[in-house]
Amino acid sequence: MYDTILVAIEDESARKTLEYAVGLADRIDAALHVLTVVDATGNPMKFGVAEVDDLNRAASTLREEAVTAIDDRDVELHAAVRRGRPDEEILAYADEIEAGLILVGRQGERDLPTAILGSTTDRLVRQSPVPVAVVPDANDVESE
């Protein structure tokens, strides 16, 4: 089915999305690549101590979340942190690793139709050459 799955995580939906991705990768024997992107859309020329701290925090959090989600499952795991516009970095990384599926968490407000998925997820769904699956947040579904 899918040999390589990319899961892009960013905030409060990260744990549920990551747990879902680990379970899927385990069931179908796929390699799992976990990516988080530090958004650098504010000032592309600025890269100072605060940005380095953001990258270091993101990398540390990503490692902790991934180790927790893997538990005792036999999943090939790769983790990466990128800096840039999230949708562009996710699509570029998916292309690099030849991902067959991209998993993302649902973001955004529920009362605005354009915000239901979140702008990054919306752009991924529209631009990705591979399937993009959206994992509901923990408040929307019961755990398996």
C-alpha atoms as a PDB file:
ATOM      1  CA  MET A   1       0.000   0.000   0.000  1.00  0.00           C
ATOM      2  CA  TYR A   2       2.342   2.749   1.257  1.00  0.00           C
ATOM      3  CA  ASP A   3       6.039   2.100   1.826  1.00  0.00           C
ATOM      4  CA  THR A   4       6.736   5.544   3.279  1.00  0.00           C
ATOM      5  CA  ILE A   5       4.436   7.735   5.342  1.00  0.00           C
ATOM      6  CA  LEU A   6       5.154  11.354   6.217  1.00  0.00           C
ATOM      7  CA  VAL A   7       3.431  12.774   9.269  1.00  0.00           C
ATOM      8  CA  ALA A   8       3.664  16.536   9.677  1.00  0.00           C
ATOM      9  CA  ILE A   9       3.049  17.699  13.221  1.00  0.00           C
ATOM     10  CA  GLU A  10       2.940  21.110  14.760  1.00  0.00           C
ATOM     11  CA  ASP A  11       0.861  21.858  17.834  1.00  0.00           C
ATOM     12  CA  GLU A  12      -1.893  20.534  20.082  1.00  0.00           C
ATOM     13  CA  SER A  13      -2.990  17.926  17.549  1.00  0.00           C
ATOM     14  CA  ALA A  14       0.524  16.480  17.337  1.00  0.00           C
ATOM     15  CA  ARG A  15       0.122  13.637  19.804  1.00  0.00           C
ATOM     16  CA  LYS A  16      -3.094  12.245  18.298  1.00  0.00           C
ATOM     17  CA  THR A  17      -1.739  12.585  14.764  1.00  0.00           C
ATOM     18  CA  LEU A  18       1.550  10.949  15.679  1.00  0.00           C
ATOM     19  CA  GLU A  19      -0.145   8.069  17.510  1.00  0.00           C
ATOM     20  CA  TYR A  20      -2.377   7.464  14.500  1.00  0.00           C
ATOM     21  CA  ALA A  21       0.637   7.552  12.145  1.00  0.00           C
ATOM     22  CA  VAL A  22       2.626   5.100  14.270  1.00  0.00           C
ATOM     23  CA  GLY A  23      -0.315   2.698  14.409  1.00  0.00           C
ATOM     24  CA  LEU A  24      -0.823   2.872  10.650  1.00  0.00           C
ATOM     25  CA  ALA A  25       2.896   2.456   9.888  1.00  0.00           C
ATOM     26  CA  ASP A  26       3.027  -0.528  12.230  1.00  0.00           C
ATOM     27  CA  ARG A  27      -0.028  -2.192  10.642  1.00  0.00           C
ATOM     28  CA  ILE A  28       1.169  -1.803   7.034  1.00  0.00           C
ATOM     29  CA  ASP A  29       4.906  -2.143   7.724  1.00  0.00           C
ATOM     30  CA  ALA A  30       5.780   1.296   6.356  1.00  0.00           C
ATOM     31  CA  ALA A  31       8.673   3.584   7.227  1.00  0.00           C
ATOM     32  CA  LEU A  32       7.493   6.640   9.151  1.00  0.00           C
ATOM     33  CA  HIS A  33       9.005  10.081   8.673  1.00  0.00           C
ATOM     34  CA  VAL A  34       7.970  12.676  11.242  1.00  0.00           C
ATOM     35  CA  LEU A  35       8.440  16.313  10.252  1.00  0.00           C
ATOM     36  CA  THR A  36       7.875  19.545  12.061  1.00  0.00           C
ATOM     37  CA  VAL A  37       8.380  22.915  10.396  1.00  0.00           C
ATOM     38  CA  VAL A  38       9.314  26.100  12.207  1.00  0.00           C
ATOM     39  CA  ASP A  39       7.365  28.753  10.317  1.00  0.00           C
ATOM     40  CA  ALA A  40       9.719  31.354   8.876  1.00  0.00           C
ATOM     41  CA  THR A  41       7.234  33.338   6.835  1.00  0.00           C
ATOM     42  CA  GLY A  42       7.580  36.498   8.939  1.00  0.00           C
ATOM     43  CA  ASN A  43      10.968  37.783   7.784  1.00  0.00           C
ATOM     44  CA  PRO A  44      12.910  35.413   5.520  1.00  0.00           C
ATOM     45  CA  MET A  45      16.168  37.319   6.084  1.00  0.00           C
ATOM     46  CA  LYS A  46      15.973  37.103   9.862  1.00  0.00           C
ATOM     47  CA  PHE A  47      17.656  34.161  11.514  1.00  0.00           C
ATOM     48  CA  GLY A  48      18.891  34.925  14.987  1.00  0.00           C
ATOM     49  CA  VAL A  49      19.103  33.415  18.436  1.00  0.00           C
ATOM     50  CA  ALA A  50      15.317  33.215  18.815  1.00  0.00           C
ATOM     51  CA  GLU A  51      14.999  31.244  15.569  1.00  0.00           C
ATOM     52  CA  VAL A  52      17.768  28.854  16.606  1.00  0.00           C
ATOM     53  CA  ASP A  53      15.997  28.383  19.939  1.00  0.00           C
ATOM     54  CA  ASP A  54      12.734  27.653  18.080  1.00  0.00           C
ATOM     55  CA  LEU A  55      14.452  25.017  15.946  1.00  0.00           C
ATOM     56  CA  ASN A  56      16.130  23.414  18.967  1.00  0.00           C
ATOM     57  CA  ARG A  57      12.852  23.340  20.915  1.00  0.00           C
ATOM     58  CA  ALA A  58      11.029  21.876  17.925  1.00  0.00           C
ATOM     59  CA  ALA A  59      13.659  19.166  17.473  1.00  0.00           C
ATOM     60  CA  SER A  60      13.606  18.256  21.163  1.00  0.00           C
ATOM     61  CA  THR A  61       9.809  18.123  21.305  1.00  0.00           C
ATOM     62  CA  LEU A  62       9.679  16.078  18.120  1.00  0.00           C
ATOM     63  CA  ARG A  63      12.101  13.505  19.504  1.00  0.00           C
ATOM     64  CA  GLU A  64      10.172  13.212  22.790  1.00  0.00           C
ATOM     65  CA  GLU A  65       6.793  12.860  21.066  1.00  0.00           C
ATOM     66  CA  ALA A  66       8.110  10.291  18.578  1.00  0.00           C
ATOM     67  CA  VAL A  67       9.710   8.120  21.270  1.00  0.00           C
ATOM     68  CA  THR A  68       6.525   8.223  23.340  1.00  0.00           C
ATOM     69  CA  ALA A  69       4.321   7.308  20.370  1.00  0.00           C
ATOM     70  CA  ILE A  70       6.508   4.426  19.183  1.00  0.00           C
ATOM     71  CA  ASP A  71       6.250   2.657  22.550  1.00  0.00           C
ATOM     72  CA  ASP A  72       7.154  -0.980  21.850  1.00  0.00           C
ATOM     73  CA  ARG A  73       6.133  -1.113  18.194  1.00  0.00           C
ATOM     74  CA  ASP A  74       8.508  -2.139  15.443  1.00  0.00           C
ATOM     75  CA  VAL A  75       8.358   0.991  13.279  1.00  0.00           C
ATOM     76  CA  GLU A  76      11.232   2.437  11.249  1.00  0.00           C
ATOM     77  CA  LEU A  77      11.246   6.067  12.371  1.00  0.00           C
ATOM     78  CA  HIS A  78      12.956   9.133  10.911  1.00  0.00           C
ATOM     79  CA  ALA A  79      12.545  12.630  12.352  1.00  0.00           C
ATOM     80  CA  ALA A  80      13.327  15.986  10.769  1.00  0.00           C
ATOM     81  CA  VAL A  81      12.892  19.664  11.538  1.00  0.00           C
ATOM     82  CA  ARG A  82      12.744  22.252   8.767  1.00  0.00           C
ATOM     83  CA  ARG A  83      12.469  26.017   8.671  1.00  0.00           C
ATOM     84  CA  GLY A  84      10.299  27.800   6.126  1.00  0.00           C
ATOM     85  CA  ARG A  85       6.736  28.035   4.945  1.00  0.00           C
ATOM     86  CA  PRO A  86       5.104  24.871   6.333  1.00  0.00           C
ATOM     87  CA  ASP A  87       3.207  23.693   3.258  1.00  0.00           C
ATOM     88  CA  GLU A  88       6.211  24.210   0.975  1.00  0.00           C
ATOM     89  CA  GLU A  89       8.601  22.433   3.347  1.00  0.00           C
ATOM     90  CA  ILE A  90       6.216  19.512   3.881  1.00  0.00           C
ATOM     91  CA  LEU A  91       5.737  19.012   0.138  1.00  0.00           C
ATOM     92  CA  ALA A  92       9.479  19.301  -0.541  1.00  0.00           C
ATOM     93  CA  TYR A  93      10.306  16.781   2.189  1.00  0.00           C
ATOM     94  CA  ALA A  94       7.568  14.414   0.962  1.00  0.00           C
ATOM     95  CA  ASP A  95       9.140  14.550  -2.495  1.00  0.00           C
ATOM     96  CA  GLU A  96      12.655  13.933  -1.092  1.00  0.00           C
ATOM     97  CA  ILE A  97      11.617  10.811   0.805  1.00  0.00           C
ATOM     98  CA  GLU A  98       9.173   9.657  -1.883  1.00  0.00           C
ATOM     99  CA  ALA A  99       6.281   9.569   0.561  1.00  0.00           C
ATOM    100  CA  GLY A 100       3.211   7.664  -0.556  1.00  0.00           C
ATOM    101  CA  LEU A 101       0.969   9.329   2.022  1.00  0.00           C
ATOM    102  CA  ILE A 102       1.039  12.543   4.042  1.00  0.00           C
ATOM    103  CA  LEU A 103      -0.767  12.621   7.393  1.00  0.00           C
ATOM    104  CA  VAL A 104      -1.618  15.903   9.095  1.00  0.00           C
ATOM    105  CA  GLY A 105      -3.754  16.964  12.032  1.00  0.00           C
ATOM    106  CA  ARG A 106      -6.817  19.101  11.585  1.00  0.00           C
ATOM    107  CA  GLN A 107      -6.287  22.700  12.571  1.00  0.00           C
ATOM    108  CA  GLY A 108      -8.330  25.862  12.544  1.00  0.00           C
ATOM    109  CA  GLU A 109     -11.617  27.190  13.786  1.00  0.00           C
ATOM    110  CA  ARG A 110     -14.787  25.222  13.231  1.00  0.00           C
ATOM    111  CA  ASP A 111     -17.090  28.158  12.470  1.00  0.00           C
ATOM    112  CA  LEU A 112     -15.334  29.326   9.310  1.00  0.00           C
ATOM    113  CA  PRO A 113     -15.484  26.989   6.318  1.00  0.00           C
ATOM    114  CA  THR A 114     -12.045  27.967   5.042  1.00  0.00           C
ATOM    115  CA  ALA A 115     -10.498  27.446   8.467  1.00  0.00           C
ATOM    116  CA  ILE A 116     -11.833  23.959   9.177  1.00  0.00           C
ATOM    117  CA  LEU A 117      -8.665  22.280   7.985  1.00  0.00           C
ATOM    118  CA  GLY A 118      -6.267  25.126   8.623  1.00  0.00           C
ATOM    119  CA  SER A 119      -4.492  27.007   5.882  1.00  0.00           C
ATOM    120  CA  THR A 120      -1.452  24.708   5.752  1.00  0.00           C
ATOM    121  CA  THR A 121      -3.569  21.565   5.527  1.00  0.00           C
ATOM    122  CA  ASP A 122      -5.807  23.191   2.933  1.00  0.00           C
ATOM    123  CA  ARG A 123      -2.791  24.045   0.756  1.00  0.00           C
ATOM    124  CA  LEU A 124      -1.386  20.520   1.169  1.00  0.00           C
ATOM    125  CA  VAL A 125      -4.663  18.916   0.110  1.00  0.00           C
ATOM    126  CA  ARG A 126      -4.812  21.157  -2.951  1.00  0.00           C
ATOM    127  CA  GLN A 127      -1.154  20.898  -4.023  1.00  0.00           C
ATOM    128  CA  SER A 128       0.086  17.459  -3.018  1.00  0.00           C
ATOM    129  CA  PRO A 129       0.710  14.894  -5.749  1.00  0.00           C
ATOM    130  CA  VAL A 130       0.206  12.107  -3.156  1.00  0.00           C
ATOM    131  CA  PRO A 131      -2.794  11.445  -0.897  1.00  0.00           C
ATOM    132  CA  VAL A 132      -3.152  13.636   2.193  1.00  0.00           C
ATOM    133  CA  ALA A 133      -5.115  12.243   5.134  1.00  0.00           C
ATOM    134  CA  VAL A 134      -6.380  14.535   7.867  1.00  0.00           C
ATOM    135  CA  VAL A 135      -6.457  13.122  11.408  1.00  0.00           C
ATOM    136  CA  PRO A 136      -9.174  14.643  13.609  1.00  0.00           C
ATOM    137  CA  ASP A 137      -8.021  16.150  16.875  1.00  0.00           C
ATOM    138  CA  ALA A 138      -8.340  14.271  20.150  1.00  0.00           C
ATOM    139  CA  ASN A 139     -11.604  16.017  21.019  1.00  0.00           C
ATOM    140  CA  ASP A 140     -13.314  14.708  17.874  1.00  0.00           C
ATOM    141  CA  VAL A 141     -12.710  10.960  18.133  1.00  0.00           C
ATOM    142  CA  GLU A 142     -12.198   8.306  20.756  1.00  0.00           C
ATOM    143  CA  SER A 143      -8.789   6.632  20.988  1.00  0.00           C
ATOM    144  CA  GLU A 144      -8.525   3.110  19.602  1.00  0.00           C
END
